[in-house]
């Protein structure tokens, strides 16, 4: 998920980047006002990449 968040940040213009600092492979400081947008993007990513057994 950290790489997903880093890529999400990289796709934004410089004025809209939200990562403050990458601490390590699992911890990232981000702008607090962007937290809900990040959660929504992760939820959408998980929904698109989940397996559903055919009926």
N, C-alpha and C. Protein backbone atom coordinates (compact mmCIF):
# COMPACT_ATOMS: atom_id res chain seq x y z
N UNK A 1 0.81 -1.20 0.00
CA UNK A 1 0.00 0.00 0.00
C UNK A 1 0.86 1.27 0.00
N UNK A 2 2.02 1.20 0.64
CA UNK A 2 2.88 2.39 0.65
C UNK A 2 3.27 2.77 -0.77
N UNK A 3 3.61 1.79 -1.60
CA UNK A 3 3.99 2.09 -2.98
C UNK A 3 2.80 2.66 -3.74
N UNK A 4 1.60 2.18 -3.46
CA UNK A 4 0.39 2.72 -4.09
C UNK A 4 0.22 4.19 -3.73
N UNK A 5 0.41 4.53 -2.46
CA UNK A 5 0.28 5.92 -2.01
C UNK A 5 1.36 6.80 -2.64
N UNK A 6 2.57 6.29 -2.72
CA UNK A 6 3.66 7.04 -3.36
C UNK A 6 3.34 7.29 -4.83
N UNK A 7 2.83 6.29 -5.52
CA UNK A 7 2.46 6.47 -6.93
C UNK A 7 1.29 7.43 -7.08
N UNK A 8 0.33 7.36 -6.17
CA UNK A 8 -0.81 8.28 -6.19
C UNK A 8 -0.31 9.72 -6.05
N UNK A 9 0.62 9.93 -5.17
CA UNK A 9 1.23 11.25 -4.97
C UNK A 9 1.99 11.69 -6.22
N UNK A 10 2.72 10.78 -6.85
CA UNK A 10 3.54 11.11 -8.02
C UNK A 10 2.70 11.53 -9.22
N UNK A 11 1.47 11.05 -9.29
CA UNK A 11 0.59 11.38 -10.42
C UNK A 11 -0.02 12.77 -10.31
N UNK A 12 0.11 13.41 -9.16
CA UNK A 12 -0.49 14.72 -8.94
C UNK A 12 0.48 15.83 -9.33
N UNK A 13 -0.04 17.00 -9.73
CA UNK A 13 0.85 18.13 -10.01
C UNK A 13 1.59 18.56 -8.73
N UNK A 14 2.69 19.24 -8.89
CA UNK A 14 3.53 19.64 -7.75
C UNK A 14 2.75 20.39 -6.68
N UNK A 15 1.79 21.20 -7.08
CA UNK A 15 1.03 22.00 -6.11
C UNK A 15 0.04 21.15 -5.29
N UNK A 16 -0.21 19.90 -5.73
CA UNK A 16 -1.18 19.05 -5.03
C UNK A 16 -0.55 17.82 -4.39
N UNK A 17 0.75 17.76 -4.32
CA UNK A 17 1.41 16.61 -3.70
C UNK A 17 1.12 16.64 -2.20
N UNK A 18 0.94 15.45 -1.62
CA UNK A 18 0.50 15.39 -0.22
C UNK A 18 1.47 14.65 0.69
N UNK A 19 2.49 14.01 0.16
CA UNK A 19 3.45 13.31 1.02
C UNK A 19 4.41 14.33 1.62
N UNK A 20 4.55 14.27 2.94
CA UNK A 20 5.48 15.15 3.65
C UNK A 20 6.84 14.46 3.73
N UNK A 21 6.84 13.18 4.15
CA UNK A 21 8.10 12.45 4.29
C UNK A 21 7.84 10.95 4.28
N UNK A 22 8.66 10.19 3.56
CA UNK A 22 8.60 8.73 3.58
C UNK A 22 9.61 8.26 4.61
N UNK A 23 9.10 7.65 5.69
CA UNK A 23 9.99 7.19 6.76
C UNK A 23 10.68 5.88 6.40
N UNK A 24 9.89 4.91 5.95
CA UNK A 24 10.42 3.61 5.54
C UNK A 24 9.39 2.95 4.62
N UNK A 25 9.50 1.65 4.42
CA UNK A 25 8.61 0.96 3.47
C UNK A 25 7.16 0.88 3.93
N UNK A 26 6.88 1.17 5.18
CA UNK A 26 5.51 1.04 5.69
C UNK A 26 4.97 2.28 6.37
N UNK A 27 5.76 3.34 6.48
CA UNK A 27 5.32 4.55 7.17
C UNK A 27 5.57 5.79 6.33
N UNK A 28 4.52 6.59 6.16
CA UNK A 28 4.60 7.80 5.35
C UNK A 28 3.85 8.92 6.08
N UNK A 29 4.46 10.09 6.18
CA UNK A 29 3.76 11.27 6.69
C UNK A 29 3.08 11.95 5.51
N UNK A 30 1.77 12.22 5.65
CA UNK A 30 1.01 12.89 4.60
C UNK A 30 0.29 14.10 5.18
N UNK A 31 -0.16 14.98 4.29
CA UNK A 31 -0.95 16.14 4.72
C UNK A 31 -2.25 15.63 5.34
N UNK A 32 -2.62 16.10 6.53
CA UNK A 32 -3.81 15.59 7.21
C UNK A 32 -5.11 15.77 6.41
N UNK A 33 -5.22 16.84 5.64
CA UNK A 33 -6.46 17.07 4.90
C UNK A 33 -6.63 16.10 3.72
N UNK A 34 -5.61 15.32 3.39
CA UNK A 34 -5.69 14.37 2.28
C UNK A 34 -5.98 12.95 2.74
N UNK A 35 -6.07 12.72 4.04
CA UNK A 35 -6.24 11.36 4.57
C UNK A 35 -7.48 10.66 4.02
N UNK A 36 -8.60 11.35 3.96
CA UNK A 36 -9.83 10.71 3.47
C UNK A 36 -9.73 10.38 1.99
N UNK A 37 -9.11 11.24 1.20
CA UNK A 37 -8.92 10.96 -0.23
C UNK A 37 -8.05 9.72 -0.41
N UNK A 38 -7.00 9.59 0.41
CA UNK A 38 -6.12 8.43 0.33
C UNK A 38 -6.89 7.16 0.70
N UNK A 39 -7.66 7.23 1.77
CA UNK A 39 -8.47 6.06 2.18
C UNK A 39 -9.44 5.65 1.07
N UNK A 40 -10.07 6.62 0.43
CA UNK A 40 -11.01 6.32 -0.65
C UNK A 40 -10.30 5.68 -1.84
N UNK A 41 -9.14 6.19 -2.19
CA UNK A 41 -8.38 5.64 -3.31
C UNK A 41 -7.93 4.21 -3.00
N UNK A 42 -7.54 3.94 -1.77
CA UNK A 42 -7.15 2.58 -1.38
C UNK A 42 -8.35 1.65 -1.44
N UNK A 43 -9.50 2.10 -0.94
CA UNK A 43 -10.71 1.27 -0.98
C UNK A 43 -11.10 0.94 -2.41
N UNK A 44 -11.02 1.92 -3.29
CA UNK A 44 -11.35 1.70 -4.70
C UNK A 44 -10.36 0.71 -5.33
N UNK A 45 -9.09 0.87 -5.02
CA UNK A 45 -8.05 -0.04 -5.53
C UNK A 45 -8.31 -1.46 -5.06
N UNK A 46 -8.64 -1.63 -3.80
CA UNK A 46 -8.92 -2.97 -3.26
C UNK A 46 -10.16 -3.58 -3.90
N UNK A 47 -11.19 -2.78 -4.12
CA UNK A 47 -12.41 -3.28 -4.77
C UNK A 47 -12.12 -3.75 -6.19
N UNK A 48 -11.29 -3.02 -6.90
CA UNK A 48 -10.95 -3.38 -8.27
C UNK A 48 -10.06 -4.62 -8.36
N UNK A 49 -9.33 -4.90 -7.30
CA UNK A 49 -8.37 -6.00 -7.30
C UNK A 49 -8.77 -7.15 -6.40
N UNK A 50 -10.07 -7.29 -6.14
CA UNK A 50 -10.51 -8.42 -5.31
C UNK A 50 -11.15 -9.49 -6.18
N UNK A 51 -10.96 -10.70 -5.79
CA UNK A 51 -11.49 -11.85 -6.53
C UNK A 51 -12.86 -12.22 -6.04
N UNK A 52 -13.77 -12.43 -6.96
CA UNK A 52 -15.10 -12.93 -6.61
C UNK A 52 -15.30 -14.24 -7.35
N UNK A 53 -15.61 -15.27 -6.59
CA UNK A 53 -15.82 -16.59 -7.17
C UNK A 53 -17.04 -16.57 -8.08
N UNK A 54 -16.90 -17.08 -9.30
CA UNK A 54 -18.07 -17.11 -10.21
C UNK A 54 -19.21 -17.94 -9.62
N UNK A 55 -20.42 -17.56 -9.92
CA UNK A 55 -21.59 -18.26 -9.39
C UNK A 55 -21.83 -19.58 -10.09
